[in-house]
Amino acid sequence: MKENESNLETQLCSGITVFDKNEFVESVIERGRSLDQIVNEARDDILYIESHSIRPAGSSDDVRLLRALVFFLISEVKVKPEDLSDDEFQILLPLAQHLVDRGHLNPDILELFGE
């Protein structure tokens, strides 16, 4: 492990220290990210997490969520990713609303969240 790196304080590409699903969503919304930027940040974080031999506990769940997010955002047919629990999917509601507000997603997508 590098001198300035620990398994508890890994700076991810999205600027988050130790991946947190809610923090990721809040961060991309606060920074006004577009759909393409969100997909790119998620992909960068996946690569970053997977490239480290020492990973924080739960990092495989983090990668699973990020992959499901990328799939959800880039697929033409919008459905709830099977890999996500209902609770995990609901975490993405503010992100979906953000992308609808910016005109990047059709408002009908919110129906998937029960909105």
C-alpha atoms as a PDB file:
ATOM      1  CA  MET A   1       0.000   0.000   0.000  1.00  0.00           C
ATOM      2  CA  LYS A   2       1.260   3.480  -0.852  1.00  0.00           C
ATOM      3  CA  GLU A   3       2.294   5.877   1.899  1.00  0.00           C
ATOM      4  CA  ASN A   4      -0.718   8.211   1.546  1.00  0.00           C
ATOM      5  CA  GLU A   5      -3.258   5.478   0.911  1.00  0.00           C
ATOM      6  CA  SER A   6      -5.186   3.342   3.331  1.00  0.00           C
ATOM      7  CA  ASN A   7      -8.076   1.014   2.851  1.00  0.00           C
ATOM      8  CA  LEU A   8     -10.251   3.451   4.810  1.00  0.00           C
ATOM      9  CA  GLU A   9      -9.240   6.615   2.989  1.00  0.00           C
ATOM     10  CA  THR A  10      -9.121   5.895  -0.707  1.00  0.00           C
ATOM     11  CA  GLN A  11      -9.812   8.991  -2.798  1.00  0.00           C
ATOM     12  CA  LEU A  12     -12.015   7.842  -5.644  1.00  0.00           C
ATOM     13  CA  CYS A  13     -12.167   9.552  -9.013  1.00  0.00           C
ATOM     14  CA  SER A  14     -15.502  11.148  -8.096  1.00  0.00           C
ATOM     15  CA  GLY A  15     -13.806  12.854  -5.152  1.00  0.00           C
ATOM     16  CA  ILE A  16     -15.430  10.615  -2.551  1.00  0.00           C
ATOM     17  CA  THR A  17     -13.322   9.153   0.234  1.00  0.00           C
ATOM     18  CA  VAL A  18     -14.482   5.573   0.878  1.00  0.00           C
ATOM     19  CA  PHE A  19     -17.389   4.983  -1.455  1.00  0.00           C
ATOM     20  CA  ASP A  20     -20.801   5.851  -0.084  1.00  0.00           C
ATOM     21  CA  LYS A  21     -23.842   5.380  -2.326  1.00  0.00           C
ATOM     22  CA  ASN A  22     -25.709   8.378  -0.972  1.00  0.00           C
ATOM     23  CA  GLU A  23     -22.641  10.589  -1.085  1.00  0.00           C
ATOM     24  CA  PHE A  24     -22.000   9.632  -4.712  1.00  0.00           C
ATOM     25  CA  VAL A  25     -25.550  10.638  -5.689  1.00  0.00           C
ATOM     26  CA  GLU A  26     -25.388  13.877  -3.672  1.00  0.00           C
ATOM     27  CA  SER A  27     -21.968  14.723  -5.079  1.00  0.00           C
ATOM     28  CA  VAL A  28     -22.891  14.425  -8.752  1.00  0.00           C
ATOM     29  CA  ILE A  29     -26.094  16.404  -8.185  1.00  0.00           C
ATOM     30  CA  GLU A  30     -24.305  19.181  -6.270  1.00  0.00           C
ATOM     31  CA  ARG A  31     -21.692  19.454  -9.014  1.00  0.00           C
ATOM     32  CA  GLY A  32     -24.399  19.605 -11.691  1.00  0.00           C
ATOM     33  CA  ARG A  33     -23.084  16.620 -13.602  1.00  0.00           C
ATOM     34  CA  SER A  34     -24.666  15.583 -16.890  1.00  0.00           C
ATOM     35  CA  LEU A  35     -25.661  12.023 -17.742  1.00  0.00           C
ATOM     36  CA  ASP A  36     -22.408  11.439 -19.654  1.00  0.00           C
ATOM     37  CA  GLN A  37     -20.316  12.879 -16.827  1.00  0.00           C
ATOM     38  CA  ILE A  38     -22.081  10.685 -14.259  1.00  0.00           C
ATOM     39  CA  VAL A  39     -21.529   7.573 -16.381  1.00  0.00           C
ATOM     40  CA  ASN A  40     -17.863   8.465 -16.851  1.00  0.00           C
ATOM     41  CA  GLU A  41     -17.330   9.111 -13.126  1.00  0.00           C
ATOM     42  CA  ALA A  42     -19.026   5.832 -12.221  1.00  0.00           C
ATOM     43  CA  ARG A  43     -16.851   3.955 -14.734  1.00  0.00           C
ATOM     44  CA  ASP A  44     -13.722   5.688 -13.438  1.00  0.00           C
ATOM     45  CA  ASP A  45     -14.629   4.744  -9.858  1.00  0.00           C
ATOM     46  CA  ILE A  46     -15.231   1.125 -10.891  1.00  0.00           C
ATOM     47  CA  LEU A  47     -11.790   0.965 -12.505  1.00  0.00           C
ATOM     48  CA  TYR A  48     -10.185   2.665  -9.530  1.00  0.00           C
ATOM     49  CA  ILE A  49     -11.779   0.333  -6.984  1.00  0.00           C
ATOM     50  CA  GLU A  50     -10.967  -2.762  -9.032  1.00  0.00           C
ATOM     51  CA  SER A  51      -7.362  -1.700  -9.633  1.00  0.00           C
ATOM     52  CA  HIS A  52      -6.431  -1.764  -5.953  1.00  0.00           C
ATOM     53  CA  SER A  53      -5.281  -5.019  -4.454  1.00  0.00           C
ATOM     54  CA  ILE A  54      -6.383  -3.916  -0.990  1.00  0.00           C
ATOM     55  CA  ARG A  55     -10.014  -2.903  -1.087  1.00  0.00           C
ATOM     56  CA  PRO A  56     -12.258  -1.628   1.681  1.00  0.00           C
ATOM     57  CA  ALA A  57     -14.868  -4.028   2.980  1.00  0.00           C
ATOM     58  CA  GLY A  58     -17.985  -3.848   0.841  1.00  0.00           C
ATOM     59  CA  SER A  59     -16.193  -2.630  -2.272  1.00  0.00           C
ATOM     60  CA  SER A  60     -17.653  -5.469  -4.364  1.00  0.00           C
ATOM     61  CA  ASP A  61     -21.141  -4.148  -3.476  1.00  0.00           C
ATOM     62  CA  ASP A  62     -19.973  -0.664  -4.463  1.00  0.00           C
ATOM     63  CA  VAL A  63     -18.813  -1.912  -7.858  1.00  0.00           C
ATOM     64  CA  ARG A  64     -22.086  -3.818  -8.308  1.00  0.00           C
ATOM     65  CA  LEU A  65     -24.106  -0.653  -7.611  1.00  0.00           C
ATOM     66  CA  LEU A  66     -21.956   1.478  -9.925  1.00  0.00           C
ATOM     67  CA  ARG A  67     -22.241  -1.084 -12.735  1.00  0.00           C
ATOM     68  CA  ALA A  68     -26.020  -1.219 -12.278  1.00  0.00           C
ATOM     69  CA  LEU A  69     -26.131   2.592 -12.349  1.00  0.00           C
ATOM     70  CA  VAL A  70     -24.135   2.725 -15.590  1.00  0.00           C
ATOM     71  CA  PHE A  71     -26.383   0.061 -17.131  1.00  0.00           C
ATOM     72  CA  PHE A  72     -29.499   1.922 -16.016  1.00  0.00           C
ATOM     73  CA  LEU A  73     -28.314   5.238 -17.433  1.00  0.00           C
ATOM     74  CA  ILE A  74     -27.009   4.022 -20.792  1.00  0.00           C
ATOM     75  CA  SER A  75     -29.591   1.373 -21.679  1.00  0.00           C
ATOM     76  CA  GLU A  76     -32.294   2.417 -24.091  1.00  0.00           C
ATOM     77  CA  VAL A  77     -34.963   0.441 -22.262  1.00  0.00           C
ATOM     78  CA  LYS A  78     -35.257   1.869 -18.774  1.00  0.00           C
ATOM     79  CA  VAL A  79     -35.957  -0.831 -16.201  1.00  0.00           C
ATOM     80  CA  LYS A  80     -34.892  -1.312 -12.609  1.00  0.00           C
ATOM     81  CA  PRO A  81     -31.580  -3.216 -12.703  1.00  0.00           C
ATOM     82  CA  GLU A  82     -32.089  -6.727 -11.340  1.00  0.00           C
ATOM     83  CA  ASP A  83     -28.826  -6.408  -9.389  1.00  0.00           C
ATOM     84  CA  LEU A  84     -30.259  -3.698  -7.133  1.00  0.00           C
ATOM     85  CA  SER A  85     -32.558  -4.129  -4.178  1.00  0.00           C
ATOM     86  CA  ASP A  86     -35.584  -1.846  -3.978  1.00  0.00           C
ATOM     87  CA  ASP A  87     -33.805   0.215  -1.295  1.00  0.00           C
ATOM     88  CA  GLU A  88     -30.663   0.596  -3.421  1.00  0.00           C
ATOM     89  CA  PHE A  89     -32.754   1.595  -6.419  1.00  0.00           C
ATOM     90  CA  GLN A  90     -34.545   4.266  -4.368  1.00  0.00           C
ATOM     91  CA  ILE A  91     -31.148   5.813  -3.584  1.00  0.00           C
ATOM     92  CA  LEU A  92     -30.972   6.656  -7.289  1.00  0.00           C
ATOM     93  CA  LEU A  93     -34.277   8.592  -7.311  1.00  0.00           C
ATOM     94  CA  PRO A  94     -32.682  12.015  -6.614  1.00  0.00           C
ATOM     95  CA  LEU A  95     -30.168  11.325  -9.387  1.00  0.00           C
ATOM     96  CA  ALA A  96     -32.940  10.390 -11.815  1.00  0.00           C
ATOM     97  CA  GLN A  97     -34.872  13.528 -10.828  1.00  0.00           C
ATOM     98  CA  HIS A  98     -31.728  15.628 -11.399  1.00  0.00           C
ATOM     99  CA  LEU A  99     -31.287  14.159 -14.875  1.00  0.00           C
ATOM    100  CA  VAL A 100     -34.978  14.661 -15.701  1.00  0.00           C
ATOM    101  CA  ASP A 101     -34.719  18.300 -14.565  1.00  0.00           C
ATOM    102  CA  ARG A 102     -31.716  18.796 -16.846  1.00  0.00           C
ATOM    103  CA  GLY A 103     -33.511  17.199 -19.795  1.00  0.00           C
ATOM    104  CA  HIS A 104     -31.199  14.165 -19.925  1.00  0.00           C
ATOM    105  CA  LEU A 105     -33.899  11.618 -19.057  1.00  0.00           C
ATOM    106  CA  ASN A 106     -37.558  11.341 -19.944  1.00  0.00           C
ATOM    107  CA  PRO A 107     -39.835  12.212 -16.989  1.00  0.00           C
ATOM    108  CA  ASP A 108     -41.548   8.837 -17.418  1.00  0.00           C
ATOM    109  CA  ILE A 109     -38.452   7.263 -15.815  1.00  0.00           C
ATOM    110  CA  LEU A 110     -39.686   8.490 -12.435  1.00  0.00           C
ATOM    111  CA  GLU A 111     -42.566   6.018 -12.642  1.00  0.00           C
ATOM    112  CA  LEU A 112     -40.026   3.237 -12.043  1.00  0.00           C
ATOM    113  CA  PHE A 113     -39.440   4.761  -8.623  1.00  0.00           C
ATOM    114  CA  GLY A 114     -43.149   4.935  -7.839  1.00  0.00           C
ATOM    115  CA  GLU A 115     -43.274   8.667  -8.481  1.00  0.00           C
END
